[in-house]
Amino acid sequence: MVSVEHHTLCDGVQLQSIRDTKFKTFRISVHFLMPLAKETAAANALVPFLLTRATRRYPDFTLLSRKMDDLYGAGLGGDVGKIGDCQVLTVTASALANDYALAGEDLVKEMTDVLCEALFDPVLEDGLFREEDLRQEKRQTLEQIDADFADKRVWALQRCMEAMCADEPFGVGRFGSREAVAALTREAVTDAWRTMCRTARVEILVLGDCDPRGVFESLKAAFANVERAYVPFAAAPAAAAPKAVRRAGDTETVVQGKLVLGMRSPIYGSDPRVPAMRLMAGIFGGTPNGKLFLNVRERMSLCYYCSANYLPPKGFLFVQSGVEFSNMERAESAILDQLAAVQRGNFTEEDVATAKLSLCNSLLTAEDSLSVLDNWYLSQTFGERGLSPTEYAARVNAVGREEILEAANTVQLDTVYRLTGKKEGSL
């Protein structure tokens, strides 16, 4: 049985509950949405991780971990991400559903209490986050930034986004820059936490087998103690593609080149054409049956991999490929040829059916995972809210060929990024 509820806790704070008794666990995620800016991204990014290290009641990681173990291996974790021009700072609590607690413990209340303490009553020294906690989180964040750099597929996409959105918030990385993270102080990160609590748009998701009433009352009481100064903000309109294609690149010691094409479409957010755009991306290159894989990779053998990914919050379409240095020009031309083919309507009803099957399967499997469901409902923040994956799949299946063709013809090339270099050890 599935039941859905929506509640407003206070100005700018919304709670959405999707109770589904098929799960034996529950998940409560508090997502703070902040405007993405290079001046604040690094300090904001460390906040969720500092909040989940310890609380005043459990003042070190060992004590907090022991508490989680006592609650049947419950979890408390932080994360940072992006939705369009927003930086999303997340603290999540998860545990076994109450019905399965051996001694009748109220695990929902226990975890909601811990969650509130983590958010609003962290362990501080002289009113600031502790120096040792900050040092460790800075180190781990820098290691993650370095890991992204080491994964050249991830890094090339980031660099394309930076070039494409140099004058837009979306060009800022979710962690900010490496230099900004390294320079963070206790004062800066503590100020970021207080600003987050006071000004952020907050989206709370309660998922799984969990009665949301107690969660609602506890979080409402917790936010009542915060001096909120929320200023509403909406997704920024998508920028138009430039008159001339932007070109950017880097040279590194790599064995395989990376080619990323960034494209723009005015179809984004709550636009009713988004399902058609998703299907267009699938036909173009979002599945193993897409034109990029079948033609550019398989038939022409120009790429080690070649795929397309559509980002509905911004209306961006990115094509990522791994290419020999000598094949960069041919691969770029071939990719654009496949886009032009889709825009001319060179796809079959079988192509449409395959894209629908792939997208709908992905949507329906989301309902088997609380973490994936969390991402699904959060992704609707600036779109049409409250649609379940099953309801959205019905909309996908209702899309016709002409709608896909119309969506395809809104796509324009914006930026071409190339990562080139020489093989390691060569002269």
Protein backbone atom coordinates (compact mmCIF):
# COMPACT_ATOMS: atom_id res chain seq x y z
CA MET A 1 0.00 0.00 0.00
CA VAL A 2 1.28 3.45 -0.98
CA SER A 3 0.07 6.73 0.53
CA VAL A 4 1.33 10.22 -0.29
CA GLU A 5 1.20 13.31 1.94
CA HIS A 6 2.43 16.89 1.57
CA HIS A 7 3.03 19.28 4.47
CA THR A 8 4.43 22.78 4.93
CA LEU A 9 6.53 23.04 8.09
CA CYS A 10 7.32 26.75 7.80
CA ASP A 11 8.23 29.31 5.17
CA GLY A 12 10.35 27.59 2.52
CA VAL A 13 10.28 24.15 4.18
CA GLN A 14 8.21 21.41 2.53
CA LEU A 15 7.79 17.77 3.59
CA GLN A 16 6.66 15.08 1.19
CA SER A 17 5.91 11.57 2.43
CA ILE A 18 5.62 8.51 0.18
CA ARG A 19 4.71 5.67 2.52
CA ASP A 20 5.10 2.22 0.98
CA THR A 21 4.70 -0.81 3.25
CA LYS A 22 6.45 -3.14 0.80
CA PHE A 23 9.72 -1.80 2.24
CA LYS A 24 11.06 -3.02 5.57
CA THR A 25 13.04 0.18 6.10
CA PHE A 26 12.49 3.93 5.98
CA ARG A 27 14.53 6.92 4.87
CA ILE A 28 14.27 10.58 5.92
CA SER A 29 16.26 13.04 3.79
CA VAL A 30 16.52 16.75 4.48
CA HIS A 31 17.69 18.57 1.35
CA PHE A 32 18.83 22.19 1.70
CA LEU A 33 18.80 23.99 -1.66
CA MET A 34 21.22 26.90 -1.90
CA PRO A 35 22.06 29.12 -4.89
CA LEU A 36 25.18 27.70 -6.55
CA ALA A 37 28.03 30.23 -6.48
CA LYS A 38 31.80 29.88 -6.61
CA GLU A 39 32.17 32.13 -3.53
CA THR A 40 30.13 29.82 -1.28
CA ALA A 41 30.23 26.36 -2.92
CA ALA A 42 33.26 25.01 -1.04
CA ALA A 43 32.10 26.04 2.44
CA ASN A 44 28.58 24.77 1.77
CA ALA A 45 29.88 21.46 0.48
CA LEU A 46 31.55 20.52 3.77
CA VAL A 47 28.53 21.26 5.93
CA PRO A 48 26.57 17.97 5.47
CA PHE A 49 29.64 15.90 6.22
CA LEU A 50 30.55 17.88 9.34
CA LEU A 51 26.97 17.63 10.62
CA THR A 52 26.97 13.84 10.35
CA ARG A 53 30.29 13.31 12.16
CA ALA A 54 28.97 14.02 15.66
CA THR A 55 26.32 15.86 17.67
CA ARG A 56 26.43 17.50 21.08
CA ARG A 57 24.76 14.41 22.58
CA TYR A 58 27.12 12.06 20.68
CA PRO A 59 30.26 14.22 20.54
CA ASP A 60 32.55 11.89 18.60
CA PHE A 61 32.26 9.54 15.65
CA THR A 62 32.64 6.44 17.83
CA LEU A 63 29.72 7.33 20.11
CA LEU A 64 27.50 8.22 17.16
CA SER A 65 28.40 4.97 15.38
CA ARG A 66 27.64 3.00 18.53
CA LYS A 67 24.21 4.65 18.66
CA MET A 68 23.58 3.64 15.05
CA ASP A 69 24.63 0.07 15.83
CA ASP A 70 22.19 -0.02 18.75
CA LEU A 71 19.41 0.90 16.32
CA TYR A 72 19.91 -2.24 14.21
CA GLY A 73 22.60 -0.72 12.03
CA ALA A 74 20.81 2.53 11.24
CA GLY A 75 22.54 5.10 9.08
CA LEU A 76 23.20 8.84 9.19
CA GLY A 77 24.98 10.38 6.24
CA GLY A 78 25.65 13.56 4.31
CA ASP A 79 25.95 14.36 0.63
CA VAL A 80 26.28 17.30 -1.76
CA GLY A 81 25.01 17.59 -5.31
CA LYS A 82 23.56 19.94 -7.93
CA ILE A 83 20.11 20.44 -9.41
CA GLY A 84 20.30 23.03 -12.13
CA ASP A 85 21.65 26.22 -10.57
CA CYS A 86 21.19 24.94 -7.00
CA GLN A 87 23.70 23.31 -4.71
CA VAL A 88 21.92 20.59 -2.74
CA LEU A 89 23.18 19.86 0.77
CA THR A 90 21.67 16.67 2.16
CA VAL A 91 21.52 14.91 5.52
CA THR A 92 19.83 11.51 5.51
CA ALA A 93 18.71 9.14 8.28
CA SER A 94 17.66 5.56 7.54
CA ALA A 95 16.74 2.55 9.64
CA LEU A 96 14.63 -0.56 10.01
CA ALA A 97 10.87 0.02 10.02
CA ASN A 98 9.23 0.02 13.45
CA ASP A 99 7.26 -3.16 12.76
CA TYR A 100 10.49 -5.15 12.57
CA ALA A 101 12.17 -3.88 15.75
CA LEU A 102 12.62 -6.88 18.04
CA ALA A 103 11.88 -5.06 21.30
CA GLY A 104 9.21 -2.71 19.96
CA GLU A 105 11.54 0.29 19.75
CA ASP A 106 10.24 3.42 18.01
CA LEU A 107 13.05 3.66 15.46
CA VAL A 108 11.35 6.45 13.52
CA LYS A 109 11.36 8.69 16.60
CA GLU A 110 14.89 7.68 17.57
CA MET A 111 16.27 8.49 14.12
CA THR A 112 14.24 11.68 13.74
CA ASP A 113 15.69 12.88 17.05
CA VAL A 114 19.23 12.07 15.93
CA LEU A 115 18.57 13.77 12.59
CA CYS A 116 17.35 16.96 14.28
CA GLU A 117 20.36 16.96 16.58
CA ALA A 118 22.71 16.55 13.64
CA LEU A 119 21.10 19.41 11.74
CA PHE A 120 20.66 21.93 14.54
CA ASP A 121 22.77 20.83 17.52
CA PRO A 122 26.19 19.77 16.23
CA VAL A 123 29.19 19.58 18.49
CA LEU A 124 31.00 22.96 18.49
CA GLU A 125 33.99 24.56 20.21
CA ASP A 126 33.74 28.28 20.96
CA GLY A 127 30.68 28.37 18.70
CA LEU A 128 32.58 26.93 15.71
CA PHE A 129 33.03 23.51 14.15
CA ARG A 130 36.03 21.77 15.69
CA GLU A 131 39.38 22.18 13.97
CA GLU A 132 40.11 18.44 13.80
CA ASP A 133 36.70 17.67 12.28
CA LEU A 134 37.23 20.37 9.68
CA ARG A 135 40.73 19.12 8.88
CA GLN A 136 39.49 15.58 8.26
CA GLU A 137 36.55 16.65 6.11
CA LYS A 138 38.74 18.97 4.06
CA ARG A 139 41.13 16.09 3.46
CA GLN A 140 38.34 13.75 2.35
CA THR A 141 36.79 16.38 0.08
CA LEU A 142 40.16 17.09 -1.54
CA GLU A 143 40.61 13.36 -2.07
CA GLN A 144 37.22 13.22 -3.81
CA ILE A 145 38.16 16.16 -6.05
CA ASP A 146 41.42 14.39 -6.89
CA ALA A 147 39.50 11.16 -7.61
CA ASP A 148 37.26 13.05 -10.05
CA PHE A 149 40.36 14.41 -11.76
CA ALA A 150 41.85 10.91 -11.98
CA ASP A 151 38.67 9.61 -13.65
CA LYS A 152 39.15 11.40 -16.94
CA ARG A 153 35.65 10.58 -18.15
CA VAL A 154 34.18 12.41 -15.14
CA TRP A 155 36.71 15.22 -15.34
CA ALA A 156 36.19 15.84 -19.07
CA LEU A 157 32.45 16.22 -18.52
CA GLN A 158 33.09 18.66 -15.67
CA ARG A 159 35.45 20.68 -17.83
CA CYS A 160 32.91 20.83 -20.65
CA MET A 161 30.27 22.07 -18.19
CA GLU A 162 32.68 24.73 -16.92
CA ALA A 163 33.39 25.97 -20.44
CA MET A 164 29.74 25.83 -21.50
CA CYS A 165 28.48 27.62 -18.38
CA ALA A 166 31.39 29.94 -17.62
CA ASP A 167 28.93 32.78 -16.98
CA GLU A 168 26.23 30.65 -15.34
CA PRO A 169 26.02 29.13 -11.84
CA PHE A 170 25.84 25.60 -13.28
CA GLY A 171 29.48 25.90 -14.28
CA VAL A 172 30.50 25.75 -10.61
CA GLY A 173 31.38 22.26 -9.36
CA ARG A 174 29.40 20.74 -6.50
CA PHE A 175 32.47 20.96 -4.20
CA GLY A 176 33.67 24.32 -5.47
CA SER A 177 37.33 24.56 -6.42
CA ARG A 178 40.21 22.62 -4.88
CA GLU A 179 41.87 25.88 -3.84
CA ALA A 180 38.73 27.13 -2.11
CA VAL A 181 38.34 23.87 -0.15
CA ALA A 182 41.98 23.96 0.96
CA ALA A 183 41.58 27.54 2.22
CA LEU A 184 38.44 26.94 4.30
CA THR A 185 38.38 28.09 7.92
CA ARG A 186 36.22 27.11 10.89
CA GLU A 187 34.53 30.49 10.74
CA ALA A 188 33.64 30.19 7.05
CA VAL A 189 32.11 26.71 7.35
CA THR A 190 30.21 27.54 10.54
CA ASP A 191 28.78 30.65 8.86
CA ALA A 192 27.78 28.49 5.89
CA TRP A 193 25.88 26.12 8.22
CA ARG A 194 24.02 28.96 9.92
CA THR A 195 23.19 30.59 6.59
CA MET A 196 21.93 27.25 5.26
CA CYS A 197 19.60 26.74 8.22
CA ARG A 198 18.28 30.28 7.97
CA THR A 199 17.90 30.92 4.23
CA ALA A 200 17.81 27.65 2.27
CA ARG A 201 14.82 26.22 0.52
CA VAL A 202 14.29 22.88 2.27
CA GLU A 203 12.78 19.77 0.70
CA ILE A 204 12.20 16.89 3.16
CA LEU A 205 11.42 13.42 1.84
CA VAL A 206 10.07 10.64 4.06
CA LEU A 207 10.14 7.33 2.21
CA GLY A 208 9.42 3.67 2.90
CA ASP A 209 7.47 2.10 5.75
CA CYS A 210 7.22 5.14 8.00
CA ASP A 211 4.30 7.03 9.56
CA PRO A 212 5.24 10.65 8.70
CA ARG A 213 3.23 12.33 11.47
CA GLY A 214 5.91 12.05 14.14
CA VAL A 215 8.60 13.13 11.67
CA PHE A 216 6.54 16.15 10.70
CA GLU A 217 5.96 17.25 14.31
CA SER A 218 9.61 16.79 15.34
CA LEU A 219 11.05 18.63 12.35
CA LYS A 220 8.43 21.39 12.60
CA ALA A 221 9.44 21.95 16.23
CA ALA A 222 13.13 21.94 15.29
CA PHE A 223 12.69 24.50 12.51
CA ALA A 224 10.58 26.66 14.85
CA ASN A 225 13.77 27.33 16.82
CA VAL A 226 15.55 28.65 13.71
CA GLU A 227 15.26 32.32 12.77
CA ARG A 228 14.27 31.75 9.17
CA ALA A 229 14.89 34.46 6.56
CA TYR A 230 13.95 32.49 3.45
CA VAL A 231 14.01 34.31 0.13
CA PRO A 232 12.18 32.32 -2.57
CA PHE A 233 14.07 31.57 -5.73
CA ALA A 234 13.22 29.70 -8.91
CA ALA A 235 15.21 27.94 -11.59
CA ALA A 236 16.98 30.42 -13.86
CA PRO A 237 15.82 30.42 -17.48
CA ALA A 238 18.00 28.44 -19.83
CA ALA A 239 20.53 30.49 -21.77
CA ALA A 240 20.49 30.38 -25.57
CA ALA A 241 23.21 28.59 -27.49
CA PRO A 242 25.98 30.97 -28.65
CA LYS A 243 26.15 32.17 -32.26
CA ALA A 244 29.52 30.44 -32.63
CA VAL A 245 30.30 27.07 -31.09
CA ARG A 246 32.59 27.35 -28.08
CA ARG A 247 35.71 25.20 -28.13
CA ALA A 248 37.78 24.24 -25.10
CA GLY A 249 40.33 21.61 -24.20
CA ASP A 250 43.13 20.36 -21.99
CA THR A 251 46.29 18.37 -22.52
CA GLU A 252 47.16 15.65 -20.03
CA THR A 253 49.25 12.50 -19.99
CA VAL A 254 46.45 10.17 -21.07
CA VAL A 255 46.23 7.04 -23.16
CA GLN A 256 42.76 7.79 -24.51
CA GLY A 257 41.33 11.11 -25.59
CA LYS A 258 37.96 12.38 -24.39
CA LEU A 259 35.49 14.25 -26.58
CA VAL A 260 32.47 15.91 -24.96
CA LEU A 261 29.82 17.82 -26.88
CA GLY A 262 27.54 20.10 -24.84
CA MET A 263 24.19 20.99 -26.40
CA ARG A 264 21.25 23.15 -25.32
CA SER A 265 17.50 22.90 -25.69
CA PRO A 266 14.76 25.24 -24.41
CA ILE A 267 12.94 22.14 -23.12
CA TYR A 268 13.63 21.90 -19.40
CA GLY A 269 12.07 21.93 -15.94
CA SER A 270 8.28 21.63 -15.99
CA ASP A 271 7.98 21.88 -19.79
CA PRO A 272 5.46 19.20 -20.88
CA ARG A 273 7.83 18.26 -23.73
CA VAL A 274 10.44 16.88 -21.34
CA PRO A 275 9.30 13.23 -21.76
CA ALA A 276 9.66 13.61 -25.54
CA MET A 277 13.14 15.07 -25.04
CA ARG A 278 14.11 12.13 -22.85
CA LEU A 279 13.04 9.75 -25.60
CA MET A 280 14.90 11.77 -28.22
CA ALA A 281 18.07 11.44 -26.12
CA GLY A 282 17.50 7.68 -25.90
CA ILE A 283 17.10 7.31 -29.66
CA PHE A 284 20.12 9.52 -30.29
CA GLY A 285 22.48 7.85 -27.87
CA GLY A 286 21.04 7.08 -24.46
CA THR A 287 20.86 3.29 -24.87
CA PRO A 288 22.90 0.48 -26.49
CA ASN A 289 20.37 0.68 -29.33
CA GLY A 290 20.93 4.41 -29.83
CA LYS A 291 22.42 5.79 -33.03
CA LEU A 292 25.66 6.85 -31.38
CA PHE A 293 26.45 3.35 -30.13
CA LEU A 294 25.29 1.47 -33.22
CA ASN A 295 26.88 3.79 -35.77
CA VAL A 296 29.69 5.89 -34.30
CA ARG A 297 31.05 3.15 -32.05
CA GLU A 298 30.08 -0.14 -33.71
CA ARG A 299 29.77 0.49 -37.46
CA MET A 300 32.41 3.25 -37.79
CA SER A 301 34.66 2.14 -34.87
CA LEU A 302 35.49 5.75 -34.04
CA CYS A 303 35.00 5.60 -30.26
CA TYR A 304 35.63 3.27 -27.35
CA TYR A 305 32.32 4.50 -25.92
CA CYS A 306 29.82 7.07 -27.10
CA SER A 307 26.59 8.01 -25.31
CA ALA A 308 24.18 10.89 -24.74
CA ASN A 309 22.74 12.11 -21.45
CA TYR A 310 19.94 14.67 -21.06
CA LEU A 311 19.69 16.90 -17.96
CA PRO A 312 16.06 18.09 -17.62
CA PRO A 313 16.70 20.76 -14.94
CA LYS A 314 18.77 22.76 -17.44
CA GLY A 315 17.78 21.42 -20.87
CA PHE A 316 21.34 20.26 -21.52
CA LEU A 317 22.32 17.27 -23.64
CA PHE A 318 25.87 15.99 -23.27
CA VAL A 319 27.54 13.48 -25.59
CA GLN A 320 30.55 11.77 -24.02
CA SER A 321 33.02 9.64 -25.94
CA GLY A 322 36.42 8.06 -25.58
CA VAL A 323 38.41 8.62 -28.76
CA GLU A 324 41.87 8.07 -30.21
CA PHE A 325 43.59 11.44 -30.63
CA SER A 326 43.75 10.98 -34.41
CA ASN A 327 40.00 10.36 -34.62
CA MET A 328 38.78 13.49 -32.83
CA GLU A 329 37.66 15.37 -35.96
CA ARG A 330 35.97 12.36 -37.54
CA ALA A 331 34.22 11.41 -34.30
CA GLU A 332 32.86 14.93 -33.77
CA SER A 333 31.56 15.02 -37.34
CA ALA A 334 29.99 11.58 -37.03
CA ILE A 335 28.24 12.47 -33.77
CA LEU A 336 26.75 15.61 -35.31
CA ASP A 337 25.69 13.61 -38.37
CA GLN A 338 23.72 11.27 -36.12
CA LEU A 339 22.05 14.24 -34.42
CA ALA A 340 21.11 15.64 -37.82
CA ALA A 341 19.69 12.25 -38.80
CA VAL A 342 17.39 12.23 -35.77
CA GLN A 343 16.39 15.84 -36.50
CA ARG A 344 15.42 14.78 -40.03
CA GLY A 345 13.23 12.04 -38.61
CA ASN A 346 15.56 9.21 -39.57
CA PHE A 347 14.33 6.84 -36.86
CA THR A 348 11.78 4.04 -36.88
CA GLU A 349 8.79 3.12 -34.76
CA GLU A 350 10.95 0.29 -33.45
CA ASP A 351 13.52 2.87 -32.33
CA VAL A 352 10.76 4.74 -30.48
CA ALA A 353 9.44 1.55 -28.87
CA THR A 354 12.95 0.53 -27.76
CA ALA A 355 13.63 3.96 -26.24
CA LYS A 356 10.29 3.87 -24.40
CA LEU A 357 10.98 0.38 -23.07
CA SER A 358 14.44 1.37 -21.83
CA LEU A 359 13.27 4.59 -20.15
CA CYS A 360 10.18 3.02 -18.59
CA ASN A 361 12.16 0.06 -17.26
CA SER A 362 14.55 2.50 -15.62
CA LEU A 363 11.64 4.43 -14.11
CA LEU A 364 9.85 1.36 -12.77
CA THR A 365 12.95 -0.16 -11.19
CA ALA A 366 13.38 3.12 -9.27
CA GLU A 367 10.42 2.08 -7.13
CA ASP A 368 12.47 -0.80 -5.69
CA SER A 369 15.11 1.41 -4.03
CA LEU A 370 14.56 4.11 -1.41
CA SER A 371 17.75 5.96 -2.39
CA VAL A 372 16.75 6.02 -6.07
CA LEU A 373 13.21 7.11 -5.14
CA ASP A 374 14.73 9.88 -3.03
CA ASN A 375 16.65 11.14 -6.07
CA TRP A 376 13.54 10.82 -8.25
CA TYR A 377 11.28 12.97 -6.08
CA LEU A 378 14.04 15.48 -5.39
CA SER A 379 14.62 15.86 -9.15
CA GLN A 380 11.07 17.20 -9.47
CA THR A 381 11.85 20.21 -7.28
CA PHE A 382 11.69 22.63 -10.21
CA GLY A 383 9.42 20.51 -12.37
CA GLU A 384 5.99 18.96 -11.94
CA ARG A 385 5.98 17.76 -8.36
CA GLY A 386 4.59 14.56 -6.94
CA LEU A 387 4.53 12.33 -10.02
CA SER A 388 5.51 8.75 -9.18
CA PRO A 389 7.84 6.89 -11.55
CA THR A 390 4.87 4.78 -12.67
CA GLU A 391 2.80 7.89 -13.46
CA TYR A 392 5.71 9.42 -15.34
CA ALA A 393 6.21 6.20 -17.31
CA ALA A 394 2.60 6.48 -18.50
CA ARG A 395 3.39 9.94 -19.85
CA VAL A 396 6.46 8.60 -21.61
CA ASN A 397 4.41 5.87 -23.29
CA ALA A 398 1.91 8.47 -24.52
CA VAL A 399 4.55 10.44 -26.46
CA GLY A 400 4.23 10.28 -30.24
CA ARG A 401 6.81 10.34 -33.02
CA GLU A 402 6.10 13.94 -34.02
CA GLU A 403 6.67 15.14 -30.46
CA ILE A 404 10.08 13.45 -30.44
CA LEU A 405 10.94 15.01 -33.78
CA GLU A 406 9.90 18.45 -32.51
CA ALA A 407 12.07 18.02 -29.41
CA ALA A 408 15.05 16.91 -31.50
CA ASN A 409 14.90 20.07 -33.59
CA THR A 410 15.26 22.30 -30.54
CA VAL A 411 18.76 20.95 -29.83
CA GLN A 412 21.73 23.18 -30.68
CA LEU A 413 25.43 22.55 -30.28
CA ASP A 414 26.98 24.90 -27.72
CA THR A 415 30.43 23.64 -26.69
CA VAL A 416 33.00 21.11 -27.87
CA TYR A 417 35.57 19.98 -25.31
CA ARG A 418 38.60 17.82 -26.12
CA LEU A 419 41.01 16.19 -23.72
CA THR A 420 44.14 15.26 -25.61
CA GLY A 421 47.74 14.39 -24.80
CA LYS A 422 50.38 11.79 -25.30
CA LYS A 423 50.60 8.27 -24.04
CA GLU A 424 52.30 7.93 -20.67
CA GLY A 425 56.02 7.28 -21.13
CA SER A 426 56.17 8.49 -24.75
CA LEU A 427 58.64 11.18 -25.83
